[in-house]
Amino acid sequence: MPKKEFKCIVCEKPEDHCTCIKYCGLCQSDFSVRLTEDGQYYCVDCREACGYKTQEQA
């Protein structure tokens, strides 16, 4: 069974096709943000602190 593709909560597109302004949903940083399963973008520090995973990590 293929993995579920993560999609942006705003535009419903996968990370590589999303044209939304990307910033961390928690701290508002725009440094090294990635899309996670909940459809929002998070920076490395917030992803690690909260246990969020990117598409490649899932």
N, C-alpha and C. Protein backbone atom coordinates (compact mmCIF):
# COMPACT_ATOMS: atom_id res chain seq x y z
N MET A 1 0.84 -1.18 0.00
CA MET A 1 0.00 0.00 0.00
C MET A 1 0.89 1.25 0.00
N PRO A 2 0.66 2.17 -0.95
CA PRO A 2 1.50 3.37 -1.02
C PRO A 2 1.25 4.29 0.17
N LYS A 3 2.28 5.07 0.50
CA LYS A 3 2.15 6.02 1.60
C LYS A 3 1.25 7.18 1.19
N LYS A 4 0.58 7.75 2.17
CA LYS A 4 -0.25 8.93 1.95
C LYS A 4 0.66 10.12 1.63
N GLU A 5 0.32 10.83 0.58
CA GLU A 5 1.12 12.01 0.20
C GLU A 5 0.71 13.20 1.06
N PHE A 6 1.68 13.88 1.67
CA PHE A 6 1.41 15.05 2.49
C PHE A 6 1.04 16.22 1.59
N LYS A 7 -0.02 16.94 1.94
CA LYS A 7 -0.47 18.08 1.14
C LYS A 7 -0.65 19.30 2.03
N CYS A 8 -0.35 20.45 1.46
CA CYS A 8 -0.49 21.73 2.15
C CYS A 8 -1.95 21.94 2.54
N ILE A 9 -2.17 22.39 3.76
CA ILE A 9 -3.53 22.62 4.26
C ILE A 9 -4.21 23.79 3.54
N VAL A 10 -3.43 24.70 2.97
CA VAL A 10 -4.00 25.89 2.31
C VAL A 10 -4.35 25.61 0.85
N CYS A 11 -3.38 25.10 0.08
CA CYS A 11 -3.59 24.94 -1.37
C CYS A 11 -3.88 23.50 -1.79
N GLU A 12 -3.76 22.54 -0.86
CA GLU A 12 -4.03 21.13 -1.14
C GLU A 12 -3.07 20.51 -2.17
N LYS A 13 -1.86 21.08 -2.26
CA LYS A 13 -0.85 20.55 -3.18
C LYS A 13 0.30 19.96 -2.37
N PRO A 14 1.02 18.98 -2.96
CA PRO A 14 2.20 18.45 -2.27
C PRO A 14 3.29 19.53 -2.17
N GLU A 15 4.24 19.31 -1.27
CA GLU A 15 5.27 20.31 -0.98
C GLU A 15 6.00 20.80 -2.23
N ASP A 16 6.32 19.91 -3.16
CA ASP A 16 7.09 20.33 -4.33
C ASP A 16 6.27 21.14 -5.34
N HIS A 17 4.95 21.21 -5.19
CA HIS A 17 4.10 22.01 -6.07
C HIS A 17 3.43 23.17 -5.34
N CYS A 18 3.62 23.28 -4.05
CA CYS A 18 3.01 24.33 -3.23
C CYS A 18 3.70 25.67 -3.50
N THR A 19 2.91 26.70 -3.75
CA THR A 19 3.45 28.03 -3.99
C THR A 19 3.10 28.99 -2.85
N CYS A 20 2.58 28.46 -1.75
CA CYS A 20 2.24 29.29 -0.60
C CYS A 20 3.51 29.84 0.05
N ILE A 21 3.35 30.92 0.81
CA ILE A 21 4.46 31.45 1.60
C ILE A 21 4.71 30.46 2.71
N LYS A 22 5.95 29.98 2.81
CA LYS A 22 6.27 28.91 3.76
C LYS A 22 6.95 29.47 5.00
N TYR A 23 6.33 29.21 6.15
CA TYR A 23 6.89 29.60 7.44
C TYR A 23 6.40 28.62 8.49
N CYS A 24 7.12 28.53 9.58
CA CYS A 24 6.80 27.59 10.64
C CYS A 24 5.46 27.95 11.28
N GLY A 25 4.59 26.98 11.42
CA GLY A 25 3.29 27.19 12.04
C GLY A 25 3.35 27.49 13.52
N LEU A 26 4.48 27.23 14.15
CA LEU A 26 4.61 27.48 15.58
C LEU A 26 5.40 28.75 15.90
N CYS A 27 6.61 28.86 15.36
CA CYS A 27 7.48 29.99 15.74
C CYS A 27 7.57 31.06 14.65
N GLN A 28 6.93 30.84 13.51
CA GLN A 28 6.89 31.78 12.39
C GLN A 28 8.21 31.93 11.63
N SER A 29 9.21 31.09 11.92
CA SER A 29 10.49 31.13 11.22
C SER A 29 10.29 30.68 9.77
N ASP A 30 11.11 31.21 8.87
CA ASP A 30 11.06 30.75 7.47
C ASP A 30 12.32 29.97 7.11
N PHE A 31 13.12 29.62 8.11
CA PHE A 31 14.37 28.90 7.88
C PHE A 31 14.14 27.39 7.93
N SER A 32 14.45 26.72 6.85
CA SER A 32 14.41 25.26 6.77
C SER A 32 13.06 24.67 7.15
N VAL A 33 11.99 25.27 6.64
CA VAL A 33 10.66 24.73 6.92
C VAL A 33 10.32 23.62 5.94
N ARG A 34 9.58 22.63 6.43
CA ARG A 34 9.15 21.49 5.61
C ARG A 34 7.70 21.16 5.95
N LEU A 35 7.01 20.61 5.00
CA LEU A 35 5.63 20.20 5.16
C LEU A 35 5.56 18.90 5.96
N THR A 36 4.61 18.82 6.89
CA THR A 36 4.44 17.61 7.69
C THR A 36 3.05 17.03 7.45
N GLU A 37 2.77 15.90 8.07
CA GLU A 37 1.53 15.17 7.83
C GLU A 37 0.27 15.98 8.12
N ASP A 38 0.34 16.92 9.06
CA ASP A 38 -0.85 17.71 9.38
C ASP A 38 -1.13 18.82 8.37
N GLY A 39 -0.29 18.93 7.33
CA GLY A 39 -0.53 19.89 6.26
C GLY A 39 0.06 21.26 6.50
N GLN A 40 0.83 21.41 7.57
CA GLN A 40 1.46 22.69 7.86
C GLN A 40 2.97 22.56 7.77
N TYR A 41 3.62 23.71 7.68
CA TYR A 41 5.08 23.76 7.60
C TYR A 41 5.65 24.05 8.98
N TYR A 42 6.78 23.39 9.29
CA TYR A 42 7.47 23.59 10.56
C TYR A 42 8.97 23.62 10.32
N CYS A 43 9.68 24.42 11.13
CA CYS A 43 11.14 24.47 11.05
C CYS A 43 11.73 23.22 11.73
N VAL A 44 13.02 23.02 11.56
CA VAL A 44 13.69 21.84 12.12
C VAL A 44 13.51 21.75 13.63
N ASP A 45 13.75 22.85 14.34
CA ASP A 45 13.66 22.83 15.79
C ASP A 45 12.26 22.47 16.28
N CYS A 46 11.24 23.05 15.69
CA CYS A 46 9.86 22.76 16.10
C CYS A 46 9.46 21.34 15.70
N ARG A 47 9.90 20.87 14.53
CA ARG A 47 9.61 19.48 14.14
C ARG A 47 10.21 18.50 15.13
N GLU A 48 11.45 18.74 15.52
CA GLU A 48 12.11 17.84 16.46
C GLU A 48 11.46 17.90 17.84
N ALA A 49 11.12 19.10 18.30
CA ALA A 49 10.52 19.26 19.64
C ALA A 49 9.13 18.61 19.71
N CYS A 50 8.39 18.66 18.62
CA CYS A 50 7.01 18.15 18.63
C CYS A 50 6.88 16.77 18.01
N GLY A 51 7.95 16.25 17.42
CA GLY A 51 7.89 14.91 16.83
C GLY A 51 7.22 14.85 15.48
N TYR A 52 7.13 15.98 14.78
CA TYR A 52 6.55 15.99 13.43
C TYR A 52 7.54 15.39 12.44
N LYS A 53 7.02 14.69 11.44
CA LYS A 53 7.86 14.05 10.44
C LYS A 53 7.54 14.60 9.05
N THR A 54 8.58 14.70 8.22
CA THR A 54 8.40 15.11 6.83
C THR A 54 7.99 13.87 6.01
N GLN A 55 7.66 14.09 4.76
CA GLN A 55 7.24 12.98 3.88
C GLN A 55 8.31 11.89 3.83
N GLU A 56 9.58 12.26 3.76
CA GLU A 56 10.66 11.29 3.66
C GLU A 56 10.84 10.48 4.95
N GLN A 57 10.49 11.07 6.08
CA GLN A 57 10.68 10.42 7.37
C GLN A 57 9.52 9.49 7.74
N ALA A 58 8.37 9.71 7.14
CA ALA A 58 7.17 8.93 7.48
C ALA A 58 7.23 7.51 6.96
